[in-house]
Amino acid sequence: MEKAPFGIVGLETCVGLVVSELVEPEIITPMQMAEKMSYNPAKVLGLDKGTLAVGKVADVTIIDPEAEYTVEAKDFASKGKNTPFDKRRVKGKVRYTICGGEIVYEDMI
C-alpha cells in the first residue's frame, strides 16, 4: 500500500459495506441507504435523477440484501485494486445495474 497510487476502490465495495455495517445493525434503514446513495448525490450534483418517479430516467441498481460474498480485489472491474477490505465477508450484493432503461451489469449468480 505504501507504493500504491493514492486512494482506494470504493464503488465496488460500497453496497456490501453499507448493508453490512449500517443497514444490518439498524443504524440506517434500507430506504435511508437508497436515499443516501442515489437521491442525495444527484441533488448535490444538480442532476434530475435519484428517484423512481414516472417519466424519470430508469437508472436503477438492484441488490440482494441477503446475499453474502467475500470482497476479492483481484476480481475488481476497476483498474485500481487498492482496498483495505480485500477478503472481507460482506452482505448485500449488486445483481443488476440498469442505466437509461438498459441492463449494463448483471451478476452471473
PDB file of N, CA and C in Angstrom:
ATOM      1  N   MET A   1       0.810  -1.186   0.000  1.00  0.00           N
ATOM      2  CA  MET A   1       0.000   0.000   0.000  1.00  0.00           C
ATOM      3  C   MET A   1       0.866   1.267   0.000  1.00  0.00           C
ATOM      4  N   GLU A   2       2.060   1.211   0.553  1.00  0.00           N
ATOM      5  CA  GLU A   2       2.908   2.405   0.611  1.00  0.00           C
ATOM      6  C   GLU A   2       3.238   2.941  -0.767  1.00  0.00           C
ATOM      7  N   LYS A   3       3.452   2.061  -1.744  1.00  0.00           N
ATOM      8  CA  LYS A   3       3.855   2.488  -3.077  1.00  0.00           C
ATOM      9  C   LYS A   3       2.680   2.550  -4.046  1.00  0.00           C
ATOM     10  N   ALA A   4       1.506   2.243  -3.575  1.00  0.00           N
ATOM     11  CA  ALA A   4       0.314   2.261  -4.424  1.00  0.00           C
ATOM     12  C   ALA A   4      -0.131   3.696  -4.678  1.00  0.00           C
ATOM     13  N   PRO A   5      -0.818   3.912  -5.800  1.00  0.00           N
ATOM     14  CA  PRO A   5      -1.372   5.245  -6.051  1.00  0.00           C
ATOM     15  C   PRO A   5      -2.342   5.631  -4.935  1.00  0.00           C
ATOM     16  N   PHE A   6      -2.535   6.928  -4.759  1.00  0.00           N
ATOM     17  CA  PHE A   6      -3.426   7.421  -3.720  1.00  0.00           C
ATOM     18  C   PHE A   6      -4.851   6.942  -3.959  1.00  0.00           C
ATOM     19  N   GLY A   7      -5.555   6.712  -2.891  1.00  0.00           N
ATOM     20  CA  GLY A   7      -6.968   6.361  -2.970  1.00  0.00           C
ATOM     21  C   GLY A   7      -7.214   4.865  -2.936  1.00  0.00           C
ATOM     22  N   ILE A   8      -8.474   4.528  -2.675  1.00  0.00           N
ATOM     23  CA  ILE A   8      -8.884   3.136  -2.674  1.00  0.00           C
ATOM     24  C   ILE A   8     -10.120   2.988  -3.549  1.00  0.00           C
ATOM     25  N   VAL A   9     -10.364   1.777  -3.975  1.00  0.00           N
ATOM     26  CA  VAL A   9     -11.562   1.488  -4.751  1.00  0.00           C
ATOM     27  C   VAL A   9     -12.745   1.506  -3.789  1.00  0.00           C
ATOM     28  N   GLY A  10     -13.746   2.309  -4.076  1.00  0.00           N
ATOM     29  CA  GLY A  10     -14.911   2.385  -3.209  1.00  0.00           C
ATOM     30  C   GLY A  10     -16.184   1.899  -3.879  1.00  0.00           C
ATOM     31  N   LEU A  11     -16.283   2.116  -5.176  1.00  0.00           N
ATOM     32  CA  LEU A  11     -17.503   1.789  -5.890  1.00  0.00           C
ATOM     33  C   LEU A  11     -17.848   0.304  -5.813  1.00  0.00           C
ATOM     34  N   GLU A  12     -16.864  -0.536  -5.895  1.00  0.00           N
ATOM     35  CA  GLU A  12     -17.126  -1.979  -5.945  1.00  0.00           C
ATOM     36  C   GLU A  12     -17.357  -2.604  -4.570  1.00  0.00           C
ATOM     37  N   THR A  13     -17.133  -1.841  -3.515  1.00  0.00           N
ATOM     38  CA  THR A  13     -17.355  -2.366  -2.163  1.00  0.00           C
ATOM     39  C   THR A  13     -18.445  -1.629  -1.399  1.00  0.00           C
ATOM     40  N   CYS A  14     -18.911  -0.503  -1.922  1.00  0.00           N
ATOM     41  CA  CYS A  14     -19.798   0.359  -1.121  1.00  0.00           C
ATOM     42  C   CYS A  14     -21.121  -0.299  -0.758  1.00  0.00           C
ATOM     43  N   VAL A  15     -21.781  -1.010  -1.654  1.00  0.00           N
ATOM     44  CA  VAL A  15     -23.080  -1.599  -1.315  1.00  0.00           C
ATOM     45  C   VAL A  15     -22.918  -2.644  -0.214  1.00  0.00           C
ATOM     46  N   GLY A  16     -21.988  -3.565  -0.375  1.00  0.00           N
ATOM     47  CA  GLY A  16     -21.773  -4.601   0.632  1.00  0.00           C
ATOM     48  C   GLY A  16     -21.383  -4.029   1.983  1.00  0.00           C
ATOM     49  N   LEU A  17     -20.552  -3.013   1.981  1.00  0.00           N
ATOM     50  CA  LEU A  17     -20.136  -2.408   3.242  1.00  0.00           C
ATOM     51  C   LEU A  17     -21.270  -1.635   3.909  1.00  0.00           C
ATOM     52  N   VAL A  18     -22.046  -0.908   3.128  1.00  0.00           N
ATOM     53  CA  VAL A  18     -23.160  -0.152   3.713  1.00  0.00           C
ATOM     54  C   VAL A  18     -24.215  -1.102   4.271  1.00  0.00           C
ATOM     55  N   VAL A  19     -24.548  -2.157   3.528  1.00  0.00           N
ATOM     56  CA  VAL A  19     -25.525  -3.122   4.036  1.00  0.00           C
ATOM     57  C   VAL A  19     -24.984  -3.780   5.302  1.00  0.00           C
ATOM     58  N   SER A  20     -23.736  -4.238   5.265  1.00  0.00           N
ATOM     59  CA  SER A  20     -23.151  -4.954   6.405  1.00  0.00           C
ATOM     60  C   SER A  20     -22.959  -4.080   7.637  1.00  0.00           C
ATOM     61  N   GLU A  21     -22.480  -2.861   7.436  1.00  0.00           N
ATOM     62  CA  GLU A  21     -22.083  -2.017   8.560  1.00  0.00           C
ATOM     63  C   GLU A  21     -23.131  -0.995   9.011  1.00  0.00           C
ATOM     64  N   LEU A  22     -24.098  -0.696   8.162  1.00  0.00           N
ATOM     65  CA  LEU A  22     -25.089   0.317   8.526  1.00  0.00           C
ATOM     66  C   LEU A  22     -26.529  -0.200   8.524  1.00  0.00           C
ATOM     67  N   VAL A  23     -26.901  -0.974   7.505  1.00  0.00           N
ATOM     68  CA  VAL A  23     -28.282  -1.459   7.429  1.00  0.00           C
ATOM     69  C   VAL A  23     -28.510  -2.640   8.367  1.00  0.00           C
ATOM     70  N   GLU A  24     -27.645  -3.635   8.303  1.00  0.00           N
ATOM     71  CA  GLU A  24     -27.804  -4.826   9.153  1.00  0.00           C
ATOM     72  C   GLU A  24     -27.855  -4.486  10.644  1.00  0.00           C
ATOM     73  N   PRO A  25     -26.967  -3.615  11.156  1.00  0.00           N
ATOM     74  CA  PRO A  25     -27.049  -3.265  12.585  1.00  0.00           C
ATOM     75  C   PRO A  25     -28.116  -2.198  12.881  1.00  0.00           C
ATOM     76  N   GLU A  26     -28.928  -1.880  11.876  1.00  0.00           N
ATOM     77  CA  GLU A  26     -30.046  -0.941  12.014  1.00  0.00           C
ATOM     78  C   GLU A  26     -29.626   0.477  12.401  1.00  0.00           C
ATOM     79  N   ILE A  27     -28.477   0.897  11.896  1.00  0.00           N
ATOM     80  CA  ILE A  27     -28.040   2.286  12.064  1.00  0.00           C
ATOM     81  C   ILE A  27     -28.813   3.165  11.083  1.00  0.00           C
ATOM     82  N   ILE A  28     -29.034   2.644   9.871  1.00  0.00           N
ATOM     83  CA  ILE A  28     -29.903   3.294   8.894  1.00  0.00           C
ATOM     84  C   ILE A  28     -30.847   2.236   8.330  1.00  0.00           C
ATOM     85  N   THR A  29     -31.944   2.696   7.747  1.00  0.00           N
ATOM     86  CA  THR A  29     -32.903   1.784   7.126  1.00  0.00           C
ATOM     87  C   THR A  29     -32.510   1.550   5.665  1.00  0.00           C
ATOM     88  N   PRO A  30     -33.068   0.514   5.045  1.00  0.00           N
ATOM     89  CA  PRO A  30     -32.813   0.328   3.602  1.00  0.00           C
ATOM     90  C   PRO A  30     -33.236   1.553   2.776  1.00  0.00           C
ATOM     91  N   MET A  31     -34.326   2.199   3.155  1.00  0.00           N
ATOM     92  CA  MET A  31     -34.770   3.395   2.427  1.00  0.00           C
ATOM     93  C   MET A  31     -33.788   4.553   2.612  1.00  0.00           C
ATOM     94  N   GLN A  32     -33.219   4.686   3.800  1.00  0.00           N
ATOM     95  CA  GLN A  32     -32.203   5.722   4.017  1.00  0.00           C
ATOM     96  C   GLN A  32     -30.953   5.421   3.199  1.00  0.00           C
ATOM     97  N   MET A  33     -30.611   4.157   3.081  1.00  0.00           N
ATOM     98  CA  MET A  33     -29.470   3.770   2.244  1.00  0.00           C
ATOM     99  C   MET A  33     -29.716   4.207   0.804  1.00  0.00           C
ATOM    100  N   ALA A  34     -30.902   3.907   0.290  1.00  0.00           N
ATOM    101  CA  ALA A  34     -31.230   4.293  -1.091  1.00  0.00           C
ATOM    102  C   ALA A  34     -31.152   5.807  -1.274  1.00  0.00           C
ATOM    103  N   GLU A  35     -31.684   6.535  -0.318  1.00  0.00           N
ATOM    104  CA  GLU A  35     -31.655   7.997  -0.398  1.00  0.00           C
ATOM    105  C   GLU A  35     -30.227   8.531  -0.373  1.00  0.00           C
ATOM    106  N   LYS A  36     -29.418   8.002   0.539  1.00  0.00           N
ATOM    107  CA  LYS A  36     -28.042   8.488   0.696  1.00  0.00           C
ATOM    108  C   LYS A  36     -27.127   8.085  -0.460  1.00  0.00           C
ATOM    109  N   MET A  37     -27.499   7.017  -1.173  1.00  0.00           N
ATOM    110  CA  MET A  37     -26.641   6.544  -2.257  1.00  0.00           C
ATOM    111  C   MET A  37     -27.181   6.883  -3.645  1.00  0.00           C
ATOM    112  N   SER A  38     -28.342   7.539  -3.713  1.00  0.00           N
ATOM    113  CA  SER A  38     -28.884   7.885  -5.031  1.00  0.00           C
ATOM    114  C   SER A  38     -29.443   9.311  -5.067  1.00  0.00           C
ATOM    115  N   TYR A  39     -30.537   9.531  -4.349  1.00  0.00           N
ATOM    116  CA  TYR A  39     -31.197  10.842  -4.407  1.00  0.00           C
ATOM    117  C   TYR A  39     -30.288  11.977  -3.936  1.00  0.00           C
ATOM    118  N   ASN A  40     -29.675  11.818  -2.770  1.00  0.00           N
ATOM    119  CA  ASN A  40     -28.838  12.902  -2.223  1.00  0.00           C
ATOM    120  C   ASN A  40     -27.642  13.236  -3.112  1.00  0.00           C
ATOM    121  N   PRO A  41     -26.879  12.243  -3.605  1.00  0.00           N
ATOM    122  CA  PRO A  41     -25.767  12.599  -4.505  1.00  0.00           C
ATOM    123  C   PRO A  41     -26.243  13.300  -5.780  1.00  0.00           C
ATOM    124  N   ALA A  42     -27.370  12.854  -6.333  1.00  0.00           N
ATOM    125  CA  ALA A  42     -27.907  13.512  -7.529  1.00  0.00           C
ATOM    126  C   ALA A  42     -28.270  14.964  -7.231  1.00  0.00           C
ATOM    127  N   LYS A  43     -28.873  15.180  -6.071  1.00  0.00           N
ATOM    128  CA  LYS A  43     -29.261  16.532  -5.665  1.00  0.00           C
ATOM    129  C   LYS A  43     -28.026  17.431  -5.519  1.00  0.00           C
ATOM    130  N   VAL A  44     -26.992  16.918  -4.867  1.00  0.00           N
ATOM    131  CA  VAL A  44     -25.752  17.685  -4.678  1.00  0.00           C
ATOM    132  C   VAL A  44     -25.138  18.069  -6.030  1.00  0.00           C
ATOM    133  N   LEU A  45     -25.211  17.153  -6.996  1.00  0.00           N
ATOM    134  CA  LEU A  45     -24.636  17.399  -8.319  1.00  0.00           C
ATOM    135  C   LEU A  45     -25.577  18.156  -9.255  1.00  0.00           C
ATOM    136  N   GLY A  46     -26.778  18.461  -8.771  1.00  0.00           N
ATOM    137  CA  GLY A  46     -27.722  19.201  -9.596  1.00  0.00           C
ATOM    138  C   GLY A  46     -28.333  18.372 -10.709  1.00  0.00           C
ATOM    139  N   LEU A  47     -28.391  17.057 -10.526  1.00  0.00           N
ATOM    140  CA  LEU A  47     -28.958  16.162 -11.538  1.00  0.00           C
ATOM    141  C   LEU A  47     -30.411  15.838 -11.205  1.00  0.00           C
ATOM    142  N   ASP A  48     -31.231  15.755 -12.212  1.00  0.00           N
ATOM    143  CA  ASP A  48     -32.635  15.398 -12.024  1.00  0.00           C
ATOM    144  C   ASP A  48     -32.753  13.875 -12.070  1.00  0.00           C
ATOM    145  N   LYS A  49     -32.148  13.223 -11.089  1.00  0.00           N
ATOM    146  CA  LYS A  49     -32.113  11.766 -11.025  1.00  0.00           C
ATOM    147  C   LYS A  49     -32.244  11.334  -9.570  1.00  0.00           C
ATOM    148  N   GLY A  50     -32.195  10.030  -9.351  1.00  0.00           N
ATOM    149  CA  GLY A  50     -32.192   9.521  -7.991  1.00  0.00           C
ATOM    150  C   GLY A  50     -33.563   9.163  -7.457  1.00  0.00           C
ATOM    151  N   THR A  51     -34.573   9.132  -8.343  1.00  0.00           N
ATOM    152  CA  THR A  51     -35.917   8.731  -7.928  1.00  0.00           C
ATOM    153  C   THR A  51     -36.470   7.711  -8.922  1.00  0.00           C
ATOM    154  N   LEU A  52     -37.555   7.073  -8.531  1.00  0.00           N
ATOM    155  CA  LEU A  52     -38.229   6.129  -9.426  1.00  0.00           C
ATOM    156  C   LEU A  52     -39.557   6.720  -9.916  1.00  0.00           C
ATOM    157  N   ALA A  53     -39.612   8.024 -10.033  1.00  0.00           N
ATOM    158  CA  ALA A  53     -40.837   8.698 -10.444  1.00  0.00           C
ATOM    159  C   ALA A  53     -41.139   8.456 -11.921  1.00  0.00           C
ATOM    160  N   VAL A  54     -42.415   8.474 -12.252  1.00  0.00           N
ATOM    161  CA  VAL A  54     -42.860   8.324 -13.636  1.00  0.00           C
ATOM    162  C   VAL A  54     -42.228   9.412 -14.488  1.00  0.00           C
ATOM    163  N   GLY A  55     -41.702   9.014 -15.639  1.00  0.00           N
ATOM    164  CA  GLY A  55     -41.101   9.958 -16.563  1.00  0.00           C
ATOM    165  C   GLY A  55     -39.629  10.230 -16.334  1.00  0.00           C
ATOM    166  N   LYS A  56     -39.070   9.691 -15.261  1.00  0.00           N
ATOM    167  CA  LYS A  56     -37.641   9.882 -14.984  1.00  0.00           C
ATOM    168  C   LYS A  56     -36.828   8.815 -15.702  1.00  0.00           C
ATOM    169  N   VAL A  57     -35.543   9.081 -15.878  1.00  0.00           N
ATOM    170  CA  VAL A  57     -34.638   8.114 -16.493  1.00  0.00           C
ATOM    171  C   VAL A  57     -34.514   6.901 -15.580  1.00  0.00           C
ATOM    172  N   ALA A  58     -34.584   5.715 -16.167  1.00  0.00           N
ATOM    173  CA  ALA A  58     -34.542   4.474 -15.379  1.00  0.00           C
ATOM    174  C   ALA A  58     -33.101   4.061 -15.089  1.00  0.00           C
ATOM    175  N   ASP A  59     -32.473   4.759 -14.149  1.00  0.00           N
ATOM    176  CA  ASP A  59     -31.151   4.386 -13.653  1.00  0.00           C
ATOM    177  C   ASP A  59     -31.370   3.720 -12.300  1.00  0.00           C
ATOM    178  N   VAL A  60     -31.178   2.406 -12.240  1.00  0.00           N
ATOM    179  CA  VAL A  60     -31.539   1.634 -11.057  1.00  0.00           C
ATOM    180  C   VAL A  60     -30.460   0.596 -10.772  1.00  0.00           C
ATOM    181  N   THR A  61     -30.179   0.399  -9.493  1.00  0.00           N
ATOM    182  CA  THR A  61     -29.332  -0.708  -9.066  1.00  0.00           C
ATOM    183  C   THR A  61     -30.201  -1.638  -8.227  1.00  0.00           C
ATOM    184  N   ILE A  62     -30.213  -2.904  -8.602  1.00  0.00           N
ATOM    185  CA  ILE A  62     -30.997  -3.902  -7.873  1.00  0.00           C
ATOM    186  C   ILE A  62     -30.029  -4.740  -7.062  1.00  0.00           C
ATOM    187  N   ILE A  63     -30.272  -4.788  -5.746  1.00  0.00           N
ATOM    188  CA  ILE A  63     -29.386  -5.557  -4.877  1.00  0.00           C
ATOM    189  C   ILE A  63     -30.143  -6.687  -4.213  1.00  0.00           C
ATOM    190  N   ASP A  64     -29.391  -7.690  -3.815  1.00  0.00           N
ATOM    191  CA  ASP A  64     -29.911  -8.775  -2.985  1.00  0.00           C
ATOM    192  C   ASP A  64     -29.328  -8.524  -1.599  1.00  0.00           C
ATOM    193  N   PRO A  65     -30.129  -7.987  -0.679  1.00  0.00           N
ATOM    194  CA  PRO A  65     -29.584  -7.611   0.631  1.00  0.00           C
ATOM    195  C   PRO A  65     -29.176  -8.796   1.495  1.00  0.00           C
ATOM    196  N   GLU A  66     -29.609  -9.996   1.144  1.00  0.00           N
ATOM    197  CA  GLU A  66     -29.272 -11.183   1.938  1.00  0.00           C
ATOM    198  C   GLU A  66     -28.051 -11.934   1.403  1.00  0.00           C
ATOM    199  N   ALA A  67     -27.650 -11.651   0.179  1.00  0.00           N
ATOM    200  CA  ALA A  67     -26.525 -12.370  -0.435  1.00  0.00           C
ATOM    201  C   ALA A  67     -25.212 -12.000   0.252  1.00  0.00           C
ATOM    202  N   GLU A  68     -24.459 -13.003   0.648  1.00  0.00           N
ATOM    203  CA  GLU A  68     -23.147 -12.783   1.263  1.00  0.00           C
ATOM    204  C   GLU A  68     -22.059 -13.152   0.264  1.00  0.00           C
ATOM    205  N   TYR A  69     -20.962 -12.422   0.341  1.00  0.00           N
ATOM    206  CA  TYR A  69     -19.821 -12.720  -0.522  1.00  0.00           C
ATOM    207  C   TYR A  69     -18.550 -12.190   0.115  1.00  0.00           C
ATOM    208  N   THR A  70     -17.433 -12.600  -0.426  1.00  0.00           N
ATOM    209  CA  THR A  70     -16.128 -12.150   0.039  1.00  0.00           C
ATOM    210  C   THR A  70     -15.562 -11.163  -0.969  1.00  0.00           C
ATOM    211  N   VAL A  71     -15.148  -9.995  -0.498  1.00  0.00           N
ATOM    212  CA  VAL A  71     -14.531  -8.997  -1.361  1.00  0.00           C
ATOM    213  C   VAL A  71     -13.223  -9.576  -1.891  1.00  0.00           C
ATOM    214  N   GLU A  72     -13.063  -9.541  -3.191  1.00  0.00           N
ATOM    215  CA  GLU A  72     -11.846 -10.039  -3.852  1.00  0.00           C
ATOM    216  C   GLU A  72     -11.299  -8.934  -4.742  1.00  0.00           C
ATOM    217  N   ALA A  73     -10.301  -8.215  -4.267  1.00  0.00           N
ATOM    218  CA  ALA A  73      -9.736  -7.092  -5.021  1.00  0.00           C
ATOM    219  C   ALA A  73      -9.237  -7.528  -6.394  1.00  0.00           C
ATOM    220  N   LYS A  74      -8.728  -8.735  -6.495  1.00  0.00           N
ATOM    221  CA  LYS A  74      -8.197  -9.212  -7.774  1.00  0.00           C
ATOM    222  C   LYS A  74      -9.281  -9.317  -8.843  1.00  0.00           C
ATOM    223  N   ASP A  75     -10.542  -9.397  -8.421  1.00  0.00           N
ATOM    224  CA  ASP A  75     -11.652  -9.533  -9.358  1.00  0.00           C
ATOM    225  C   ASP A  75     -12.352  -8.213  -9.681  1.00  0.00           C
ATOM    226  N   PHE A  76     -11.873  -7.097  -9.130  1.00  0.00           N
ATOM    227  CA  PHE A  76     -12.492  -5.801  -9.401  1.00  0.00           C
ATOM    228  C   PHE A  76     -12.451  -5.497 -10.894  1.00  0.00           C
ATOM    229  N   ALA A  77     -13.502  -4.881 -11.395  1.00  0.00           N
ATOM    230  CA  ALA A  77     -13.510  -4.405 -12.781  1.00  0.00           C
ATOM    231  C   ALA A  77     -12.621  -3.167 -12.905  1.00  0.00           C
ATOM    232  N   SER A  78     -12.475  -2.427 -11.820  1.00  0.00           N
ATOM    233  CA  SER A  78     -11.641  -1.224 -11.804  1.00  0.00           C
ATOM    234  C   SER A  78     -10.180  -1.581 -12.054  1.00  0.00           C
ATOM    235  N   LYS A  79      -9.448  -0.648 -12.648  1.00  0.00           N
ATOM    236  CA  LYS A  79      -8.012  -0.858 -12.817  1.00  0.00           C
ATOM    237  C   LYS A  79      -7.319  -0.849 -11.467  1.00  0.00           C
ATOM    238  N   GLY A  80      -7.813   0.001 -10.562  1.00  0.00           N
ATOM    239  CA  GLY A  80      -7.252   0.055  -9.217  1.00  0.00           C
ATOM    240  C   GLY A  80      -7.674  -1.160  -8.404  1.00  0.00           C
ATOM    241  N   LYS A  81      -6.806  -1.635  -7.584  1.00  0.00           N
ATOM    242  CA  LYS A  81      -7.096  -2.803  -6.738  1.00  0.00           C
ATOM    243  C   LYS A  81      -6.878  -2.493  -5.256  1.00  0.00           C
ATOM    244  N   ASN A  82      -6.609  -1.219  -4.938  1.00  0.00           N
ATOM    245  CA  ASN A  82      -6.339  -0.846  -3.548  1.00  0.00           C
ATOM    246  C   ASN A  82      -7.618  -0.880  -2.724  1.00  0.00           C
ATOM    247  N   THR A  83      -7.623  -1.702  -1.687  1.00  0.00           N
ATOM    248  CA  THR A  83      -8.751  -1.727  -0.768  1.00  0.00           C
ATOM    249  C   THR A  83      -8.318  -2.356   0.549  1.00  0.00           C
ATOM    250  N   PRO A  84      -8.734  -1.768   1.661  1.00  0.00           N
ATOM    251  CA  PRO A  84      -8.456  -2.406   2.947  1.00  0.00           C
ATOM    252  C   PRO A  84      -9.456  -3.535   3.235  1.00  0.00           C
ATOM    253  N   PHE A  85     -10.405  -3.755   2.338  1.00  0.00           N
ATOM    254  CA  PHE A  85     -11.477  -4.727   2.576  1.00  0.00           C
ATOM    255  C   PHE A  85     -11.290  -6.042   1.827  1.00  0.00           C
ATOM    256  N   ASP A  86     -10.126  -6.235   1.205  1.00  0.00           N
ATOM    257  CA  ASP A  86      -9.853  -7.494   0.491  1.00  0.00           C
ATOM    258  C   ASP A  86     -10.008  -8.671   1.453  1.00  0.00           C
ATOM    259  N   LYS A  87     -10.725  -9.670   1.012  1.00  0.00           N
ATOM    260  CA  LYS A  87     -11.000 -10.912   1.769  1.00  0.00           C
ATOM    261  C   LYS A  87     -12.035 -10.719   2.874  1.00  0.00           C
ATOM    262  N   ARG A  88     -12.656  -9.564   2.927  1.00  0.00           N
ATOM    263  CA  ARG A  88     -13.677  -9.318   3.952  1.00  0.00           C
ATOM    264  C   ARG A  88     -15.015  -9.884   3.500  1.00  0.00           C
ATOM    265  N   ARG A  89     -15.713 -10.531   4.391  1.00  0.00           N
ATOM    266  CA  ARG A  89     -17.040 -11.087   4.129  1.00  0.00           C
ATOM    267  C   ARG A  89     -18.070  -9.978   4.355  1.00  0.00           C
ATOM    268  N   VAL A  90     -18.930  -9.745   3.357  1.00  0.00           N
ATOM    269  CA  VAL A  90     -19.955  -8.705   3.447  1.00  0.00           C
ATOM    270  C   VAL A  90     -21.297  -9.265   2.981  1.00  0.00           C
ATOM    271  N   LYS A  91     -22.338  -8.512   3.253  1.00  0.00           N
ATOM    272  CA  LYS A  91     -23.694  -8.906   2.896  1.00  0.00           C
ATOM    273  C   LYS A  91     -24.316  -7.788   2.065  1.00  0.00           C
ATOM    274  N   GLY A  92     -25.014  -8.152   1.001  1.00  0.00           N
ATOM    275  CA  GLY A  92     -25.642  -7.158   0.132  1.00  0.00           C
ATOM    276  C   GLY A  92     -24.916  -7.088  -1.190  1.00  0.00           C
ATOM    277  N   LYS A  93     -25.422  -7.812  -2.179  1.00  0.00           N
ATOM    278  CA  LYS A  93     -24.723  -7.939  -3.466  1.00  0.00           C
ATOM    279  C   LYS A  93     -25.523  -7.282  -4.586  1.00  0.00           C
ATOM    280  N   VAL A  94     -24.824  -6.519  -5.411  1.00  0.00           N
ATOM    281  CA  VAL A  94     -25.458  -5.929  -6.591  1.00  0.00           C
ATOM    282  C   VAL A  94     -25.741  -7.051  -7.582  1.00  0.00           C
ATOM    283  N   ARG A  95     -26.995  -7.137  -8.022  1.00  0.00           N
ATOM    284  CA  ARG A  95     -27.383  -8.164  -9.002  1.00  0.00           C
ATOM    285  C   ARG A  95     -27.540  -7.573 -10.397  1.00  0.00           C
ATOM    286  N   TYR A  96     -28.083  -6.348 -10.486  1.00  0.00           N
ATOM    287  CA  TYR A  96     -28.270  -5.679 -11.780  1.00  0.00           C
ATOM    288  C   TYR A  96     -28.018  -4.193 -11.629  1.00  0.00           C
ATOM    289  N   THR A  97     -27.499  -3.593 -12.690  1.00  0.00           N
ATOM    290  CA  THR A  97     -27.447  -2.146 -12.814  1.00  0.00           C
ATOM    291  C   THR A  97     -28.105  -1.808 -14.141  1.00  0.00           C
ATOM    292  N   ILE A  98     -29.074  -0.906 -14.079  1.00  0.00           N
ATOM    293  CA  ILE A  98     -29.830  -0.501 -15.258  1.00  0.00           C
ATOM    294  C   ILE A  98     -29.607   0.989 -15.460  1.00  0.00           C
ATOM    295  N   CYS A  99     -29.161   1.377 -16.641  1.00  0.00           N
ATOM    296  CA  CYS A  99     -28.946   2.785 -16.981  1.00  0.00           C
ATOM    297  C   CYS A  99     -29.738   3.115 -18.232  1.00  0.00           C
ATOM    298  N   GLY A 100     -30.546   4.152 -18.137  1.00  0.00           N
ATOM    299  CA  GLY A 100     -31.358   4.554 -19.278  1.00  0.00           C
ATOM    300  C   GLY A 100     -32.274   3.451 -19.759  1.00  0.00           C
ATOM    301  N   GLY A 101     -32.692   2.594 -18.839  1.00  0.00           N
ATOM    302  CA  GLY A 101     -33.601   1.506 -19.191  1.00  0.00           C
ATOM    303  C   GLY A 101     -32.910   0.266 -19.748  1.00  0.00           C
ATOM    304  N   GLU A 102     -31.577   0.282 -19.853  1.00  0.00           N
ATOM    305  CA  GLU A 102     -30.815  -0.856 -20.386  1.00  0.00           C
ATOM    306  C   GLU A 102     -29.998  -1.515 -19.282  1.00  0.00           C
ATOM    307  N   ILE A 103     -29.987  -2.848 -19.240  1.00  0.00           N
ATOM    308  CA  ILE A 103     -29.162  -3.558 -18.273  1.00  0.00           C
ATOM    309  C   ILE A 103     -27.702  -3.422 -18.710  1.00  0.00           C
ATOM    310  N   VAL A 104     -26.883  -2.800 -17.855  1.00  0.00           N
ATOM    311  CA  VAL A 104     -25.469  -2.613 -18.168  1.00  0.00           C
ATOM    312  C   VAL A 104     -24.564  -3.502 -17.309  1.00  0.00           C
ATOM    313  N   TYR A 105     -25.131  -4.065 -16.257  1.00  0.00           N
ATOM    314  CA  TYR A 105     -24.400  -5.025 -15.419  1.00  0.00           C
ATOM    315  C   TYR A 105     -25.388  -6.061 -14.935  1.00  0.00           C
ATOM    316  N   GLU A 106     -24.967  -7.320 -15.022  1.00  0.00           N
ATOM    317  CA  GLU A 106     -25.772  -8.419 -14.497  1.00  0.00           C
ATOM    318  C   GLU A 106     -24.840  -9.390 -13.796  1.00  0.00           C
ATOM    319  N   ASP A 107     -25.115  -9.628 -12.522  1.00  0.00           N
ATOM    320  CA  ASP A 107     -24.317 -10.576 -11.748  1.00  0.00           C
ATOM    321  C   ASP A 107     -24.672 -11.972 -12.206  1.00  0.00           C
ATOM    322  N   MET A 108     -23.698 -12.702 -12.627  1.00  0.00           N
ATOM    323  CA  MET A 108     -23.916 -14.082 -13.041  1.00  0.00           C
ATOM    324  C   MET A 108     -23.910 -14.949 -11.791  1.00  0.00           C
ATOM    325  N   ILE A 109     -25.085 -15.149 -11.243  1.00  0.00           N
ATOM    326  CA  ILE A 109     -25.262 -15.859  -9.970  1.00  0.00           C
ATOM    327  C   ILE A 109     -24.727 -17.269 -10.045  1.00  0.00           C
TER     328      ILE A 109
END
